[in-house]
Amino acid sequence: TTPFLLLSSACFAKSSTRFHRWFCSTKLYENNLKSFVET
């Protein structure tokens, strides 16, 4: 899960601020990536 979500986050960050914000607010992001990205 984690590598694909990291790639997704990077692609959203480079392509669309709006979709990146949306992705960062999803449960999938919060449950799998949030702690890794923050710490």
PDB file of all heavy atoms in Angstrom:
ATOM      1  N   THR A   1       0.818  -1.208   0.000  1.00  0.00           N
ATOM      2  CA  THR A   1       0.000   0.000   0.000  1.00  0.00           C
ATOM      3  C   THR A   1       0.854   1.260   0.000  1.00  0.00           C
ATOM      4  O   THR A   1       0.667   2.151  -0.824  1.00  0.00           O
ATOM      5  CB  THR A   1      -0.915   0.006   1.247  1.00  0.00           C
ATOM      6  OG1 THR A   1      -1.693  -1.176   1.242  1.00  0.00           O
ATOM      7  CG2 THR A   1      -1.817   1.210   1.270  1.00  0.00           C
ATOM      8  N   THR A   2       1.789   1.342   0.926  1.00  0.00           N
ATOM      9  CA  THR A   2       2.542   2.570   1.168  1.00  0.00           C
ATOM     10  C   THR A   2       3.286   3.098  -0.058  1.00  0.00           C
ATOM     11  O   THR A   2       3.172   4.290  -0.364  1.00  0.00           O
ATOM     12  CB  THR A   2       3.507   2.380   2.354  1.00  0.00           C
ATOM     13  OG1 THR A   2       2.754   1.915   3.477  1.00  0.00           O
ATOM     14  CG2 THR A   2       4.204   3.659   2.707  1.00  0.00           C
ATOM     15  N   PRO A   3       4.039   2.266  -0.796  1.00  0.00           N
ATOM     16  CA  PRO A   3       4.749   2.837  -1.948  1.00  0.00           C
ATOM     17  C   PRO A   3       3.822   3.447  -2.998  1.00  0.00           C
ATOM     18  O   PRO A   3       4.116   4.510  -3.548  1.00  0.00           O
ATOM     19  CB  PRO A   3       5.503   1.645  -2.538  1.00  0.00           C
ATOM     20  CG  PRO A   3       5.577   0.642  -1.462  1.00  0.00           C
ATOM     21  CD  PRO A   3       4.384   0.867  -0.600  1.00  0.00           C
ATOM     22  N   PHE A   4       2.696   2.795  -3.246  1.00  0.00           N
ATOM     23  CA  PHE A   4       1.764   3.328  -4.246  1.00  0.00           C
ATOM     24  C   PHE A   4       1.137   4.629  -3.764  1.00  0.00           C
ATOM     25  O   PHE A   4       0.944   5.560  -4.546  1.00  0.00           O
ATOM     26  CB  PHE A   4       0.679   2.306  -4.585  1.00  0.00           C
ATOM     27  CG  PHE A   4       1.185   1.153  -5.401  1.00  0.00           C
ATOM     28  CD1 PHE A   4       1.055  -0.144  -4.938  1.00  0.00           C
ATOM     29  CD2 PHE A   4       1.805   1.344  -6.618  1.00  0.00           C
ATOM     30  CE1 PHE A   4       1.530  -1.216  -5.682  1.00  0.00           C
ATOM     31  CE2 PHE A   4       2.282   0.290  -7.371  1.00  0.00           C
ATOM     32  CZ  PHE A   4       2.141  -0.999  -6.898  1.00  0.00           C
ATOM     33  N   LEU A   5       0.819   4.703  -2.478  1.00  0.00           N
ATOM     34  CA  LEU A   5       0.240   5.942  -1.961  1.00  0.00           C
ATOM     35  C   LEU A   5       1.263   7.074  -1.938  1.00  0.00           C
ATOM     36  O   LEU A   5       0.916   8.230  -2.183  1.00  0.00           O
ATOM     37  CB  LEU A   5      -0.349   5.710  -0.566  1.00  0.00           C
ATOM     38  CG  LEU A   5      -1.552   4.768  -0.520  1.00  0.00           C
ATOM     39  CD1 LEU A   5      -2.054   4.617   0.910  1.00  0.00           C
ATOM     40  CD2 LEU A   5      -2.672   5.239  -1.425  1.00  0.00           C
ATOM     41  N   LEU A   6       2.524   6.747  -1.661  1.00  0.00           N
ATOM     42  CA  LEU A   6       3.572   7.767  -1.724  1.00  0.00           C
ATOM     43  C   LEU A   6       3.728   8.291  -3.153  1.00  0.00           C
ATOM     44  O   LEU A   6       3.860   9.507  -3.369  1.00  0.00           O
ATOM     45  CB  LEU A   6       4.901   7.205  -1.222  1.00  0.00           C
ATOM     46  CG  LEU A   6       5.051   7.075   0.283  1.00  0.00           C
ATOM     47  CD1 LEU A   6       6.310   6.297   0.629  1.00  0.00           C
ATOM     48  CD2 LEU A   6       5.069   8.443   0.943  1.00  0.00           C
ATOM     49  N   LEU A   7       3.712   7.383  -4.121  1.00  0.00           N
ATOM     50  CA  LEU A   7       3.791   7.805  -5.524  1.00  0.00           C
ATOM     51  C   LEU A   7       2.582   8.650  -5.909  1.00  0.00           C
ATOM     52  O   LEU A   7       2.709   9.665  -6.606  1.00  0.00           O
ATOM     53  CB  LEU A   7       3.900   6.588  -6.442  1.00  0.00           C
ATOM     54  CG  LEU A   7       5.238   5.868  -6.429  1.00  0.00           C
ATOM     55  CD1 LEU A   7       5.127   4.536  -7.173  1.00  0.00           C
ATOM     56  CD2 LEU A   7       6.309   6.734  -7.061  1.00  0.00           C
ATOM     57  N   SER A   8       1.421   8.246  -5.442  1.00  0.00           N
ATOM     58  CA  SER A   8       0.203   9.002  -5.718  1.00  0.00           C
ATOM     59  C   SER A   8       0.296  10.409  -5.136  1.00  0.00           C
ATOM     60  O   SER A   8      -0.021  11.398  -5.801  1.00  0.00           O
ATOM     61  CB  SER A   8      -1.008   8.267  -5.146  1.00  0.00           C
ATOM     62  OG  SER A   8      -2.180   8.988  -5.386  1.00  0.00           O
ATOM     63  N   SER A   9       0.759  10.496  -3.907  1.00  0.00           N
ATOM     64  CA  SER A   9       0.895  11.797  -3.251  1.00  0.00           C
ATOM     65  C   SER A   9       1.874  12.691  -4.010  1.00  0.00           C
ATOM     66  O   SER A   9       1.612  13.878  -4.219  1.00  0.00           O
ATOM     67  CB  SER A   9       1.363  11.603  -1.812  1.00  0.00           C
ATOM     68  OG  SER A   9       1.511  12.834  -1.169  1.00  0.00           O
ATOM     69  N   ALA A  10       3.003  12.126  -4.431  1.00  0.00           N
ATOM     70  CA  ALA A  10       3.990  12.906  -5.181  1.00  0.00           C
ATOM     71  C   ALA A  10       3.417  13.389  -6.508  1.00  0.00           C
ATOM     72  O   ALA A  10       3.628  14.548  -6.906  1.00  0.00           O
ATOM     73  CB  ALA A  10       5.239  12.072  -5.415  1.00  0.00           C
ATOM     74  N   CYS A  11       2.694  12.520  -7.205  1.00  0.00           N
ATOM     75  CA  CYS A  11       2.106  12.915  -8.494  1.00  0.00           C
ATOM     76  C   CYS A  11       1.029  13.982  -8.306  1.00  0.00           C
ATOM     77  O   CYS A  11       0.945  14.928  -9.097  1.00  0.00           O
ATOM     78  CB  CYS A  11       1.529  11.690  -9.211  1.00  0.00           C
ATOM     79  SG  CYS A  11       2.782  10.558  -9.835  1.00  0.00           S
ATOM     80  N   PHE A  12       0.203  13.841  -7.265  1.00  0.00           N
ATOM     81  CA  PHE A  12      -0.803  14.869  -6.995  1.00  0.00           C
ATOM     82  C   PHE A  12      -0.134  16.199  -6.660  1.00  0.00           C
ATOM     83  O   PHE A  12      -0.578  17.255  -7.103  1.00  0.00           O
ATOM     84  CB  PHE A  12      -1.724  14.465  -5.833  1.00  0.00           C
ATOM     85  CG  PHE A  12      -2.861  13.578  -6.235  1.00  0.00           C
ATOM     86  CD1 PHE A  12      -3.154  12.434  -5.500  1.00  0.00           C
ATOM     87  CD2 PHE A  12      -3.662  13.872  -7.318  1.00  0.00           C
ATOM     88  CE1 PHE A  12      -4.207  11.611  -5.852  1.00  0.00           C
ATOM     89  CE2 PHE A  12      -4.719  13.059  -7.684  1.00  0.00           C
ATOM     90  CZ  PHE A  12      -5.001  11.923  -6.946  1.00  0.00           C
ATOM     91  N   ALA A  13       0.949  16.164  -5.874  1.00  0.00           N
ATOM     92  CA  ALA A  13       1.643  17.391  -5.482  1.00  0.00           C
ATOM     93  C   ALA A  13       2.204  18.131  -6.699  1.00  0.00           C
ATOM     94  O   ALA A  13       2.199  19.364  -6.743  1.00  0.00           O
ATOM     95  CB  ALA A  13       2.757  17.077  -4.497  1.00  0.00           C
ATOM     96  N   LYS A  14       2.679  17.376  -7.682  1.00  0.00           N
ATOM     97  CA  LYS A  14       3.254  17.988  -8.887  1.00  0.00           C
ATOM     98  C   LYS A  14       2.204  18.405  -9.904  1.00  0.00           C
ATOM     99  O   LYS A  14       2.453  19.269 -10.734  1.00  0.00           O
ATOM    100  CB  LYS A  14       4.222  17.010  -9.569  1.00  0.00           C
ATOM    101  CG  LYS A  14       5.394  16.629  -8.726  1.00  0.00           C
ATOM    102  CD  LYS A  14       6.494  17.619  -8.900  1.00  0.00           C
ATOM    103  CE  LYS A  14       7.726  17.130  -8.155  1.00  0.00           C
ATOM    104  NZ  LYS A  14       8.775  18.096  -8.144  1.00  0.00           N
ATOM    105  N   SER A  15       1.015  17.783  -9.850  1.00  0.00           N
ATOM    106  CA  SER A  15       0.030  18.042 -10.898  1.00  0.00           C
ATOM    107  C   SER A  15      -1.102  18.974 -10.479  1.00  0.00           C
ATOM    108  O   SER A  15      -1.559  19.771 -11.297  1.00  0.00           O
ATOM    109  CB  SER A  15      -0.566  16.727 -11.402  1.00  0.00           C
ATOM    110  OG  SER A  15      -1.322  16.100 -10.387  1.00  0.00           O
ATOM    111  N   SER A  16      -1.554  18.875  -9.230  1.00  0.00           N
ATOM    112  CA  SER A  16      -2.728  19.654  -8.843  1.00  0.00           C
ATOM    113  C   SER A  16      -2.751  19.882  -7.327  1.00  0.00           C
ATOM    114  O   SER A  16      -2.859  18.931  -6.554  1.00  0.00           O
ATOM    115  CB  SER A  16      -4.005  18.920  -9.265  1.00  0.00           C
ATOM    116  OG  SER A  16      -5.141  19.522  -8.701  1.00  0.00           O
ATOM    117  N   THR A  17      -2.688  21.136  -6.931  1.00  0.00           N
ATOM    118  CA  THR A  17      -2.749  21.481  -5.504  1.00  0.00           C
ATOM    119  C   THR A  17      -4.091  21.063  -4.919  1.00  0.00           C
ATOM    120  O   THR A  17      -4.159  20.557  -3.799  1.00  0.00           O
ATOM    121  CB  THR A  17      -2.547  22.999  -5.314  1.00  0.00           C
ATOM    122  OG1 THR A  17      -1.328  23.363  -5.947  1.00  0.00           O
ATOM    123  CG2 THR A  17      -2.510  23.365  -3.857  1.00  0.00           C
ATOM    124  N   ARG A  18      -5.140  21.273  -5.678  1.00  0.00           N
ATOM    125  CA  ARG A  18      -6.487  20.942  -5.210  1.00  0.00           C
ATOM    126  C   ARG A  18      -6.626  19.450  -4.926  1.00  0.00           C
ATOM    127  O   ARG A  18      -7.126  19.038  -3.869  1.00  0.00           O
ATOM    128  CB  ARG A  18      -7.505  21.363  -6.270  1.00  0.00           C
ATOM    129  CG  ARG A  18      -8.916  21.066  -5.906  1.00  0.00           C
ATOM    130  CD  ARG A  18      -9.868  21.647  -6.953  1.00  0.00           C
ATOM    131  NE  ARG A  18     -11.064  20.857  -6.976  1.00  0.00           N
ATOM    132  CZ  ARG A  18     -11.670  20.452  -8.075  1.00  0.00           C
ATOM    133  NH1 ARG A  18     -11.199  20.785  -9.255  1.00  0.00           N
ATOM    134  NH2 ARG A  18     -12.752  19.730  -8.015  1.00  0.00           N
ATOM    135  N   PHE A  19      -6.172  18.578  -5.855  1.00  0.00           N
ATOM    136  CA  PHE A  19      -6.271  17.143  -5.644  1.00  0.00           C
ATOM    137  C   PHE A  19      -5.304  16.665  -4.561  1.00  0.00           C
ATOM    138  O   PHE A  19      -5.586  15.705  -3.849  1.00  0.00           O
ATOM    139  CB  PHE A  19      -6.059  16.375  -6.948  1.00  0.00           C
ATOM    140  CG  PHE A  19      -7.295  16.313  -7.793  1.00  0.00           C
ATOM    141  CD1 PHE A  19      -7.400  17.086  -8.932  1.00  0.00           C
ATOM    142  CD2 PHE A  19      -8.357  15.500  -7.442  1.00  0.00           C
ATOM    143  CE1 PHE A  19      -8.541  17.047  -9.714  1.00  0.00           C
ATOM    144  CE2 PHE A  19      -9.503  15.456  -8.206  1.00  0.00           C
ATOM    145  CZ  PHE A  19      -9.604  16.231  -9.348  1.00  0.00           C
ATOM    146  N   HIS A  20      -4.180  17.322  -4.429  1.00  0.00           N
ATOM    147  CA  HIS A  20      -3.240  16.951  -3.373  1.00  0.00           C
ATOM    148  C   HIS A  20      -3.865  17.216  -1.999  1.00  0.00           C
ATOM    149  O   HIS A  20      -3.763  16.394  -1.091  1.00  0.00           O
ATOM    150  CB  HIS A  20      -1.922  17.706  -3.518  1.00  0.00           C
ATOM    151  CG  HIS A  20      -0.869  17.214  -2.585  1.00  0.00           C
ATOM    152  ND1 HIS A  20      -0.871  17.494  -1.244  1.00  0.00           N
ATOM    153  CD2 HIS A  20       0.225  16.446  -2.788  1.00  0.00           C
ATOM    154  CE1 HIS A  20       0.163  16.928  -0.662  1.00  0.00           C
ATOM    155  NE2 HIS A  20       0.848  16.289  -1.580  1.00  0.00           N
ATOM    156  N   ARG A  21      -4.503  18.377  -1.855  1.00  0.00           N
ATOM    157  CA  ARG A  21      -5.206  18.678  -0.584  1.00  0.00           C
ATOM    158  C   ARG A  21      -6.313  17.664  -0.334  1.00  0.00           C
ATOM    159  O   ARG A  21      -6.501  17.202   0.792  1.00  0.00           O
ATOM    160  CB  ARG A  21      -5.787  20.084  -0.622  1.00  0.00           C
ATOM    161  CG  ARG A  21      -4.810  21.156  -0.224  1.00  0.00           C
ATOM    162  CD  ARG A  21      -5.540  22.449  -0.025  1.00  0.00           C
ATOM    163  NE  ARG A  21      -6.315  22.735  -1.236  1.00  0.00           N
ATOM    164  CZ  ARG A  21      -6.217  23.820  -1.968  1.00  0.00           C
ATOM    165  NH1 ARG A  21      -5.420  24.779  -1.612  1.00  0.00           N
ATOM    166  NH2 ARG A  21      -6.934  23.977  -3.053  1.00  0.00           N
ATOM    167  N   TRP A  22      -7.058  17.307  -1.382  1.00  0.00           N
ATOM    168  CA  TRP A  22      -8.120  16.321  -1.234  1.00  0.00           C
ATOM    169  C   TRP A  22      -7.531  14.977  -0.791  1.00  0.00           C
ATOM    170  O   TRP A  22      -8.033  14.346   0.134  1.00  0.00           O
ATOM    171  CB  TRP A  22      -8.870  16.143  -2.559  1.00  0.00           C
ATOM    172  CG  TRP A  22      -9.714  14.911  -2.569  1.00  0.00           C
ATOM    173  CD1 TRP A  22     -10.933  14.742  -1.979  1.00  0.00           C
ATOM    174  CD2 TRP A  22      -9.375  13.653  -3.158  1.00  0.00           C
ATOM    175  NE1 TRP A  22     -11.376  13.450  -2.180  1.00  0.00           N
ATOM    176  CE2 TRP A  22     -10.442  12.763  -2.894  1.00  0.00           C
ATOM    177  CE3 TRP A  22      -8.280  13.187  -3.880  1.00  0.00           C
ATOM    178  CZ2 TRP A  22     -10.439  11.447  -3.331  1.00  0.00           C
ATOM    179  CZ3 TRP A  22      -8.276  11.882  -4.315  1.00  0.00           C
ATOM    180  CH2 TRP A  22      -9.342  11.030  -4.041  1.00  0.00           C
ATOM    181  N   PHE A  23      -6.463  14.544  -1.461  1.00  0.00           N
ATOM    182  CA  PHE A  23      -5.840  13.265  -1.132  1.00  0.00           C
ATOM    183  C   PHE A  23      -5.349  13.251   0.313  1.00  0.00           C
ATOM    184  O   PHE A  23      -5.533  12.270   1.032  1.00  0.00           O
ATOM    185  CB  PHE A  23      -4.688  12.976  -2.096  1.00  0.00           C
ATOM    186  CG  PHE A  23      -3.934  11.724  -1.766  1.00  0.00           C
ATOM    187  CD1 PHE A  23      -4.547  10.487  -1.886  1.00  0.00           C
ATOM    188  CD2 PHE A  23      -2.628  11.776  -1.322  1.00  0.00           C
ATOM    189  CE1 PHE A  23      -3.863   9.320  -1.572  1.00  0.00           C
ATOM    190  CE2 PHE A  23      -1.936  10.623  -1.014  1.00  0.00           C
ATOM    191  CZ  PHE A  23      -2.556   9.386  -1.127  1.00  0.00           C
ATOM    192  N   CYS A  24      -4.763  14.342   0.775  1.00  0.00           N
ATOM    193  CA  CYS A  24      -4.244  14.414   2.143  1.00  0.00           C
ATOM    194  C   CYS A  24      -5.357  14.419   3.184  1.00  0.00           C
ATOM    195  O   CYS A  24      -5.098  14.190   4.366  1.00  0.00           O
ATOM    196  CB  CYS A  24      -3.366  15.650   2.318  1.00  0.00           C
ATOM    197  SG  CYS A  24      -1.799  15.524   1.417  1.00  0.00           S
ATOM    198  N   SER A  25      -6.582  14.663   2.767  1.00  0.00           N
ATOM    199  CA  SER A  25      -7.696  14.655   3.710  1.00  0.00           C
ATOM    200  C   SER A  25      -8.442  13.315   3.734  1.00  0.00           C
ATOM    201  O   SER A  25      -9.360  13.145   4.537  1.00  0.00           O
ATOM    202  CB  SER A  25      -8.679  15.779   3.374  1.00  0.00           C
ATOM    203  OG  SER A  25      -9.343  15.492   2.148  1.00  0.00           O
ATOM    204  N   THR A  26      -8.052  12.375   2.889  1.00  0.00           N
ATOM    205  CA  THR A  26      -8.741  11.090   2.847  1.00  0.00           C
ATOM    206  C   THR A  26      -8.292  10.175   3.992  1.00  0.00           C
ATOM    207  O   THR A  26      -7.190  10.308   4.522  1.00  0.00           O
ATOM    208  CB  THR A  26      -8.492  10.352   1.511  1.00  0.00           C
ATOM    209  OG1 THR A  26      -7.102  10.055   1.408  1.00  0.00           O
ATOM    210  CG2 THR A  26      -8.959  11.173   0.326  1.00  0.00           C
ATOM    211  N   LYS A  27      -9.145   9.241   4.367  1.00  0.00           N
ATOM    212  CA  LYS A  27      -8.805   8.258   5.405  1.00  0.00           C
ATOM    213  C   LYS A  27      -7.653   7.364   4.953  1.00  0.00           C
ATOM    214  O   LYS A  27      -6.840   6.944   5.766  1.00  0.00           O
ATOM    215  CB  LYS A  27     -10.026   7.379   5.734  1.00  0.00           C
ATOM    216  CG  LYS A  27     -11.083   8.091   6.512  1.00  0.00           C
ATOM    217  CD  LYS A  27     -10.639   8.253   7.938  1.00  0.00           C
ATOM    218  CE  LYS A  27     -11.772   8.848   8.740  1.00  0.00           C
ATOM    219  NZ  LYS A  27     -11.314   9.390   9.998  1.00  0.00           N
ATOM    220  N   LEU A  28      -7.592   7.058   3.679  1.00  0.00           N
ATOM    221  CA  LEU A  28      -6.516   6.221   3.154  1.00  0.00           C
ATOM    222  C   LEU A  28      -5.157   6.869   3.432  1.00  0.00           C
ATOM    223  O   LEU A  28      -4.219   6.217   3.880  1.00  0.00           O
ATOM    224  CB  LEU A  28      -6.717   6.008   1.652  1.00  0.00           C
ATOM    225  CG  LEU A  28      -5.948   4.906   0.976  1.00  0.00           C
ATOM    226  CD1 LEU A  28      -6.248   3.555   1.607  1.00  0.00           C
ATOM    227  CD2 LEU A  28      -6.286   4.868  -0.499  1.00  0.00           C
ATOM    228  N   TYR A  29      -5.066   8.169   3.198  1.00  0.00           N
ATOM    229  CA  TYR A  29      -3.829   8.905   3.481  1.00  0.00           C
ATOM    230  C   TYR A  29      -3.559   8.950   4.981  1.00  0.00           C
ATOM    231  O   TYR A  29      -2.453   8.672   5.437  1.00  0.00           O
ATOM    232  CB  TYR A  29      -3.925  10.321   2.920  1.00  0.00           C
ATOM    233  CG  TYR A  29      -2.732  11.186   3.259  1.00  0.00           C
ATOM    234  CD1 TYR A  29      -1.596  11.169   2.472  1.00  0.00           C
ATOM    235  CD2 TYR A  29      -2.747  12.015   4.372  1.00  0.00           C
ATOM    236  CE1 TYR A  29      -0.495  11.956   2.772  1.00  0.00           C
ATOM    237  CE2 TYR A  29      -1.651  12.805   4.685  1.00  0.00           C
ATOM    238  CZ  TYR A  29      -0.542  12.767   3.889  1.00  0.00           C
ATOM    239  OH  TYR A  29       0.554  13.537   4.206  1.00  0.00           O
ATOM    240  N   GLU A  30      -4.582   9.307   5.751  1.00  0.00           N
ATOM    241  CA  GLU A  30      -4.404   9.454   7.194  1.00  0.00           C
ATOM    242  C   GLU A  30      -4.011   8.136   7.852  1.00  0.00           C
ATOM    243  O   GLU A  30      -3.184   8.123   8.761  1.00  0.00           O
ATOM    244  CB  GLU A  30      -5.672  10.013   7.827  1.00  0.00           C
ATOM    245  CG  GLU A  30      -5.903  11.474   7.475  1.00  0.00           C
ATOM    246  CD  GLU A  30      -7.193  12.017   8.043  1.00  0.00           C
ATOM    247  OE1 GLU A  30      -7.889  11.304   8.796  1.00  0.00           O
ATOM    248  OE2 GLU A  30      -7.521  13.176   7.727  1.00  0.00           O
ATOM    249  N   ASN A  31      -4.585   7.041   7.411  1.00  0.00           N
ATOM    250  CA  ASN A  31      -4.290   5.740   8.028  1.00  0.00           C
ATOM    251  C   ASN A  31      -2.947   5.156   7.600  1.00  0.00           C
ATOM    252  O   ASN A  31      -2.350   4.386   8.343  1.00  0.00           O
ATOM    253  CB  ASN A  31      -5.395   4.737   7.708  1.00  0.00           C
ATOM    254  CG  ASN A  31      -6.701   5.092   8.365  1.00  0.00           C
ATOM    255  OD1 ASN A  31      -6.744   5.838   9.322  1.00  0.00           O
ATOM    256  ND2 ASN A  31      -7.779   4.560   7.838  1.00  0.00           N
ATOM    257  N   ASN A  32      -2.478   5.479   6.406  1.00  0.00           N
ATOM    258  CA  ASN A  32      -1.297   4.821   5.871  1.00  0.00           C
ATOM    259  C   ASN A  32      -0.068   5.704   5.715  1.00  0.00           C
ATOM    260  O   ASN A  32       1.056   5.192   5.772  1.00  0.00           O
ATOM    261  CB  ASN A  32      -1.613   4.181   4.512  1.00  0.00           C
ATOM    262  CG  ASN A  32      -2.603   3.059   4.640  1.00  0.00           C
ATOM    263  OD1 ASN A  32      -2.264   1.995   5.130  1.00  0.00           O
ATOM    264  ND2 ASN A  32      -3.837   3.290   4.238  1.00  0.00           N
ATOM    265  N   LEU A  33      -0.239   6.991   5.494  1.00  0.00           N
ATOM    266  CA  LEU A  33       0.909   7.842   5.182  1.00  0.00           C
ATOM    267  C   LEU A  33       1.149   9.002   6.126  1.00  0.00           C
ATOM    268  O   LEU A  33       2.287   9.458   6.246  1.00  0.00           O
ATOM    269  CB  LEU A  33       0.754   8.437   3.775  1.00  0.00           C
ATOM    270  CG  LEU A  33       0.923   7.519   2.598  1.00  0.00           C
ATOM    271  CD1 LEU A  33       0.788   8.305   1.313  1.00  0.00           C
ATOM    272  CD2 LEU A  33       2.252   6.828   2.638  1.00  0.00           C
ATOM    273  N   LYS A  34       0.128   9.492   6.776  1.00  0.00           N
ATOM    274  CA  LYS A  34       0.238  10.740   7.526  1.00  0.00           C
ATOM    275  C   LYS A  34       1.389  10.708   8.534  1.00  0.00           C
ATOM    276  O   LYS A  34       2.222  11.615   8.569  1.00  0.00           O
ATOM    277  CB  LYS A  34      -1.074  11.052   8.232  1.00  0.00           C
ATOM    278  CG  LYS A  34      -1.074  12.405   8.883  1.00  0.00           C
ATOM    279  CD  LYS A  34      -2.426  12.718   9.467  1.00  0.00           C
ATOM    280  CE  LYS A  34      -2.409  14.107  10.087  1.00  0.00           C
ATOM    281  NZ  LYS A  34      -3.707  14.467  10.620  1.00  0.00           N
ATOM    282  N   SER A  35       1.464   9.683   9.345  1.00  0.00           N
ATOM    283  CA  SER A  35       2.514   9.636  10.369  1.00  0.00           C
ATOM    284  C   SER A  35       3.895   9.537   9.722  1.00  0.00           C
ATOM    285  O   SER A  35       4.858  10.128  10.202  1.00  0.00           O
ATOM    286  CB  SER A  35       2.291   8.480  11.332  1.00  0.00           C
ATOM    287  OG  SER A  35       2.410   7.242  10.669  1.00  0.00           O
ATOM    288  N   PHE A  36       4.000   8.787   8.626  1.00  0.00           N
ATOM    289  CA  PHE A  36       5.294   8.664   7.949  1.00  0.00           C
ATOM    290  C   PHE A  36       5.724   9.994   7.344  1.00  0.00           C
ATOM    291  O   PHE A  36       6.873  10.396   7.463  1.00  0.00           O
ATOM    292  CB  PHE A  36       5.247   7.589   6.867  1.00  0.00           C
ATOM    293  CG  PHE A  36       6.546   7.437   6.135  1.00  0.00           C
ATOM    294  CD1 PHE A  36       7.607   6.782   6.720  1.00  0.00           C
ATOM    295  CD2 PHE A  36       6.710   7.969   4.871  1.00  0.00           C
ATOM    296  CE1 PHE A  36       8.822   6.655   6.059  1.00  0.00           C
ATOM    297  CE2 PHE A  36       7.910   7.852   4.203  1.00  0.00           C
ATOM    298  CZ  PHE A  36       8.971   7.187   4.796  1.00  0.00           C
ATOM    299  N   VAL A  37       4.802  10.695   6.708  1.00  0.00           N
ATOM    300  CA  VAL A  37       5.134  11.971   6.071  1.00  0.00           C
ATOM    301  C   VAL A  37       5.507  13.010   7.123  1.00  0.00           C
ATOM    302  O   VAL A  37       6.453  13.771   6.948  1.00  0.00           O
ATOM    303  CB  VAL A  37       3.956  12.454   5.194  1.00  0.00           C
ATOM    304  CG1 VAL A  37       4.159  13.877   4.721  1.00  0.00           C
ATOM    305  CG2 VAL A  37       3.766  11.525   4.014  1.00  0.00           C
ATOM    306  N   GLU A  38       4.785  13.032   8.246  1.00  0.00           N
ATOM    307  CA  GLU A  38       5.046  14.038   9.275  1.00  0.00           C
ATOM    308  C   GLU A  38       6.326  13.765  10.056  1.00  0.00           C
ATOM    309  O   GLU A  38       7.046  14.683  10.419  1.00  0.00           O
ATOM    310  CB  GLU A  38       3.861  14.119  10.239  1.00  0.00           C
ATOM    311  CG  GLU A  38       2.634  14.731   9.616  1.00  0.00           C
ATOM    312  CD  GLU A  38       1.427  14.696  10.525  1.00  0.00           C
ATOM    313  OE1 GLU A  38       1.497  14.087  11.616  1.00  0.00           O
ATOM    314  OE2 GLU A  38       0.400  15.266  10.140  1.00  0.00           O
ATOM    315  N   THR A  39       6.621  12.495  10.336  1.00  0.00           N
ATOM    316  CA  THR A  39       7.753  12.177  11.216  1.00  0.00           C
ATOM    317  C   THR A  39       8.912  11.510  10.494  1.00  0.00           C
ATOM    318  O   THR A  39       9.969  11.333  11.095  1.00  0.00           O
ATOM    319  CB  THR A  39       7.297  11.233  12.347  1.00  0.00           C
ATOM    320  OG1 THR A  39       6.842  10.010  11.773  1.00  0.00           O
ATOM    321  CG2 THR A  39       6.217  11.862  13.188  1.00  0.00           C
TER     322      THR A  39
END
